[in-house]
């Protein structure tokens, strides 16, 4: 009888695991202490809003030229009032360009004031200035 060779199971030696380096204990920073809320001041009386004062330069009355007087009237008026009256005239006579509402199509009276047939609303104030004294 042949003897069977029995191999002894040799346990493989596994290398010893290196111990993980000890984690350093991280000191948590303490949250800064909250400051005590400042005591609220006694409720002061609310400030009253003062009425808005108009700038004197805008309120200065000018006499319109004969061409401009035909559109807005001959009475002296401030520059802002002149612009308001012109826009009222433009809207009353439907003189805005229907495709571009920023443009004003001048009629006979306005063409004398503007000097051209179509004017941008941004040019309006500078063209009016020439007709005010």
C-alpha atoms as a PDB file:
ATOM      1  CA  UNK A   1       0.000   0.000   0.000  1.00  0.00           C
ATOM      2  CA  UNK A   2       1.230   3.177  -0.935  1.00  0.00           C
ATOM      3  CA  UNK A   3       1.090   5.763   1.569  1.00  0.00           C
ATOM      4  CA  UNK A   4      -0.561   8.837   0.465  1.00  0.00           C
ATOM      5  CA  UNK A   5       1.469  11.786   1.064  1.00  0.00           C
ATOM      6  CA  UNK A   6      -0.431  14.042   3.205  1.00  0.00           C
ATOM      7  CA  UNK A   7       0.531  17.511   3.072  1.00  0.00           C
ATOM      8  CA  UNK A   8       0.158  19.347   6.149  1.00  0.00           C
ATOM      9  CA  UNK A   9      -1.673  22.450   5.570  1.00  0.00           C
ATOM     10  CA  UNK A  10       0.803  24.955   6.384  1.00  0.00           C
ATOM     11  CA  UNK A  11      -0.702  28.112   7.462  1.00  0.00           C
ATOM     12  CA  UNK A  12       0.529  30.940   5.436  1.00  0.00           C
ATOM     13  CA  UNK A  13       2.026  33.479   7.563  1.00  0.00           C
ATOM     14  CA  UNK A  14       0.536  36.831   6.875  1.00  0.00           C
ATOM     15  CA  UNK A  15       2.669  39.719   7.760  1.00  0.00           C
ATOM     16  CA  UNK A  16       1.479  41.429  10.862  1.00  0.00           C
ATOM     17  CA  UNK A  17      -0.595  44.441  10.048  1.00  0.00           C
ATOM     18  CA  UNK A  18       1.103  47.609  10.941  1.00  0.00           C
ATOM     19  CA  UNK A  19      -0.824  49.483  13.492  1.00  0.00           C
ATOM     20  CA  UNK A  20      -2.406  52.551  11.993  1.00  0.00           C
ATOM     21  CA  UNK A  21      -0.875  55.700  13.318  1.00  0.00           C
ATOM     22  CA  UNK A  22      -2.919  56.978  16.171  1.00  0.00           C
ATOM     23  CA  UNK A  23      -5.164  59.789  15.038  1.00  0.00           C
ATOM     24  CA  UNK A  24      -4.318  63.015  16.672  1.00  0.00           C
ATOM     25  CA  UNK A  25      -7.166  64.303  18.638  1.00  0.00           C
ATOM     26  CA  UNK A  26      -8.143  67.528  16.944  1.00  0.00           C
ATOM     27  CA  UNK A  27      -9.260  70.038  19.407  1.00  0.00           C
ATOM     28  CA  UNK A  28     -12.473  71.600  18.219  1.00  0.00           C
ATOM     29  CA  UNK A  29     -12.388  75.312  18.361  1.00  0.00           C
ATOM     30  CA  UNK A  30     -15.003  76.584  20.647  1.00  0.00           C
ATOM     31  CA  UNK A  31     -17.537  78.847  18.966  1.00  0.00           C
ATOM     32  CA  UNK A  32     -17.033  82.439  19.992  1.00  0.00           C
ATOM     33  CA  UNK A  33     -19.367  83.434  22.717  1.00  0.00           C
ATOM     34  CA  UNK A  34     -22.286  85.417  21.390  1.00  0.00           C
ATOM     35  CA  UNK A  35     -22.396  88.944  22.570  1.00  0.00           C
ATOM     36  CA  UNK A  36     -25.408  89.908  24.505  1.00  0.00           C
ATOM     37  CA  UNK A  37     -27.838  91.809  22.334  1.00  0.00           C
ATOM     38  CA  UNK A  38     -27.496  95.505  22.813  1.00  0.00           C
ATOM     39  CA  UNK A  39     -30.487  96.902  24.592  1.00  0.00           C
ATOM     40  CA  UNK A  40     -32.794  98.606  22.157  1.00  0.00           C
ATOM     41  CA  UNK A  41     -33.033 102.318  22.449  1.00  0.00           C
ATOM     42  CA  UNK A  42     -36.296 103.708  23.550  1.00  0.00           C
ATOM     43  CA  UNK A  43     -38.574 104.027  20.565  1.00  0.00           C
ATOM     44  CA  UNK A  44     -37.850 107.488  19.291  1.00  0.00           C
ATOM     45  CA  UNK A  45     -40.566 109.449  17.599  1.00  0.00           C
ATOM     46  CA  UNK A  46     -40.478 108.700  13.855  1.00  0.00           C
ATOM     47  CA  UNK A  47     -38.930 111.440  11.792  1.00  0.00           C
ATOM     48  CA  UNK A  48     -41.451 113.359   9.792  1.00  0.00           C
ATOM     49  CA  UNK A  49     -40.712 113.534   6.096  1.00  0.00           C
ATOM     50  CA  UNK A  50     -40.233 117.066   4.973  1.00  0.00           C
ATOM     51  CA  UNK A  51     -41.913 118.254   1.835  1.00  0.00           C
ATOM     52  CA  UNK A  52     -39.721 118.009  -1.222  1.00  0.00           C
ATOM     53  CA  UNK A  53     -38.336 121.360  -2.263  1.00  0.00           C
ATOM     54  CA  UNK A  54     -38.270 122.053  -5.997  1.00  0.00           C
ATOM     55  CA  UNK A  55     -35.035 123.230  -7.534  1.00  0.00           C
ATOM     56  CA  UNK A  56     -35.198 126.941  -8.268  1.00  0.00           C
ATOM     57  CA  UNK A  57     -33.486 126.487 -11.637  1.00  0.00           C
ATOM     58  CA  UNK A  58     -36.338 124.313 -12.877  1.00  0.00           C
ATOM     59  CA  UNK A  59     -38.954 126.761 -11.667  1.00  0.00           C
ATOM     60  CA  UNK A  60     -37.543 129.795 -13.481  1.00  0.00           C
ATOM     61  CA  UNK A  61     -40.151 131.220 -15.857  1.00  0.00           C
ATOM     62  CA  UNK A  62     -39.192 131.782 -19.492  1.00  0.00           C
ATOM     63  CA  UNK A  63     -40.970 133.691 -22.226  1.00  0.00           C
ATOM     64  CA  UNK A  64     -41.588 131.511 -25.295  1.00  0.00           C
ATOM     65  CA  UNK A  65     -40.754 132.680 -28.805  1.00  0.00           C
ATOM     66  CA  UNK A  66     -43.595 133.479 -31.243  1.00  0.00           C
ATOM     67  CA  UNK A  67     -43.277 130.027 -32.904  1.00  0.00           C
ATOM     68  CA  UNK A  68     -43.433 128.185 -29.574  1.00  0.00           C
ATOM     69  CA  UNK A  69     -46.198 130.486 -28.272  1.00  0.00           C
ATOM     70  CA  UNK A  70     -48.373 129.346 -31.186  1.00  0.00           C
ATOM     71  CA  UNK A  71     -48.212 125.821 -29.747  1.00  0.00           C
ATOM     72  CA  UNK A  72     -48.240 126.287 -25.940  1.00  0.00           C
ATOM     73  CA  UNK A  73     -49.523 129.815 -25.407  1.00  0.00           C
ATOM     74  CA  UNK A  74     -47.807 133.143 -24.823  1.00  0.00           C
ATOM     75  CA  UNK A  75     -47.704 133.018 -21.009  1.00  0.00           C
ATOM     76  CA  UNK A  76     -44.305 132.672 -19.360  1.00  0.00           C
ATOM     77  CA  UNK A  77     -43.698 129.156 -18.077  1.00  0.00           C
ATOM     78  CA  UNK A  78     -40.983 127.060 -16.510  1.00  0.00           C
ATOM     79  CA  UNK A  79     -39.023 124.715 -18.756  1.00  0.00           C
ATOM     80  CA  UNK A  80     -40.724 121.666 -17.226  1.00  0.00           C
ATOM     81  CA  UNK A  81     -44.168 123.144 -17.869  1.00  0.00           C
ATOM     82  CA  UNK A  82     -43.239 123.874 -21.476  1.00  0.00           C
ATOM     83  CA  UNK A  83     -42.309 120.218 -22.015  1.00  0.00           C
ATOM     84  CA  UNK A  84     -45.582 119.093 -20.405  1.00  0.00           C
ATOM     85  CA  UNK A  85     -47.609 121.409 -22.628  1.00  0.00           C
ATOM     86  CA  UNK A  86     -45.749 120.209 -25.722  1.00  0.00           C
ATOM     87  CA  UNK A  87     -46.476 116.564 -24.879  1.00  0.00           C
ATOM     88  CA  UNK A  88     -50.133 117.424 -24.312  1.00  0.00           C
ATOM     89  CA  UNK A  89     -50.209 119.052 -27.768  1.00  0.00           C
ATOM     90  CA  UNK A  90     -48.428 116.080 -29.362  1.00  0.00           C
ATOM     91  CA  UNK A  91     -50.833 113.545 -27.844  1.00  0.00           C
ATOM     92  CA  UNK A  92     -53.918 115.650 -28.578  1.00  0.00           C
ATOM     93  CA  UNK A  93     -53.012 115.889 -32.275  1.00  0.00           C
ATOM     94  CA  UNK A  94     -51.727 112.286 -32.476  1.00  0.00           C
ATOM     95  CA  UNK A  95     -48.251 113.309 -33.640  1.00  0.00           C
ATOM     96  CA  UNK A  96     -46.256 110.336 -32.344  1.00  0.00           C
ATOM     97  CA  UNK A  97     -44.870 107.986 -34.978  1.00  0.00           C
ATOM     98  CA  UNK A  98     -47.109 104.877 -34.788  1.00  0.00           C
ATOM     99  CA  UNK A  99     -44.198 102.522 -35.519  1.00  0.00           C
ATOM    100  CA  UNK A 100     -41.768 104.179 -33.106  1.00  0.00           C
ATOM    101  CA  UNK A 101     -43.500 106.093 -30.315  1.00  0.00           C
ATOM    102  CA  UNK A 102     -40.227 107.816 -29.369  1.00  0.00           C
ATOM    103  CA  UNK A 103     -40.344 109.905 -32.508  1.00  0.00           C
ATOM    104  CA  UNK A 104     -42.560 112.932 -32.965  1.00  0.00           C
ATOM    105  CA  UNK A 105     -43.917 113.784 -36.392  1.00  0.00           C
ATOM    106  CA  UNK A 106     -44.076 117.575 -36.606  1.00  0.00           C
ATOM    107  CA  UNK A 107     -47.125 119.348 -38.006  1.00  0.00           C
ATOM    108  CA  UNK A 108     -46.930 122.888 -39.441  1.00  0.00           C
ATOM    109  CA  UNK A 109     -46.684 124.603 -36.049  1.00  0.00           C
ATOM    110  CA  UNK A 110     -44.136 122.173 -34.598  1.00  0.00           C
ATOM    111  CA  UNK A 111     -41.965 122.117 -37.712  1.00  0.00           C
ATOM    112  CA  UNK A 112     -41.334 125.852 -37.148  1.00  0.00           C
ATOM    113  CA  UNK A 113     -40.204 125.101 -33.599  1.00  0.00           C
ATOM    114  CA  UNK A 114     -38.186 121.954 -34.389  1.00  0.00           C
ATOM    115  CA  UNK A 115     -36.814 122.898 -37.782  1.00  0.00           C
ATOM    116  CA  UNK A 116     -37.427 119.407 -39.214  1.00  0.00           C
ATOM    117  CA  UNK A 117     -40.280 116.971 -39.857  1.00  0.00           C
ATOM    118  CA  UNK A 118     -39.377 114.202 -37.382  1.00  0.00           C
ATOM    119  CA  UNK A 119     -37.732 114.601 -33.986  1.00  0.00           C
ATOM    120  CA  UNK A 120     -36.688 112.116 -31.319  1.00  0.00           C
ATOM    121  CA  UNK A 121     -38.160 112.703 -27.857  1.00  0.00           C
ATOM    122  CA  UNK A 122     -34.593 113.000 -26.577  1.00  0.00           C
ATOM    123  CA  UNK A 123     -33.950 116.009 -28.816  1.00  0.00           C
ATOM    124  CA  UNK A 124     -37.099 117.732 -27.616  1.00  0.00           C
ATOM    125  CA  UNK A 125     -35.623 119.582 -24.633  1.00  0.00           C
ATOM    126  CA  UNK A 126     -32.605 120.887 -26.542  1.00  0.00           C
ATOM    127  CA  UNK A 127     -34.769 122.168 -29.392  1.00  0.00           C
ATOM    128  CA  UNK A 128     -37.122 123.909 -26.969  1.00  0.00           C
ATOM    129  CA  UNK A 129     -34.233 125.708 -25.274  1.00  0.00           C
ATOM    130  CA  UNK A 130     -33.618 127.769 -28.402  1.00  0.00           C
ATOM    131  CA  UNK A 131     -37.152 129.185 -28.179  1.00  0.00           C
ATOM    132  CA  UNK A 132     -37.105 130.228 -24.509  1.00  0.00           C
ATOM    133  CA  UNK A 133     -35.768 133.549 -23.182  1.00  0.00           C
END
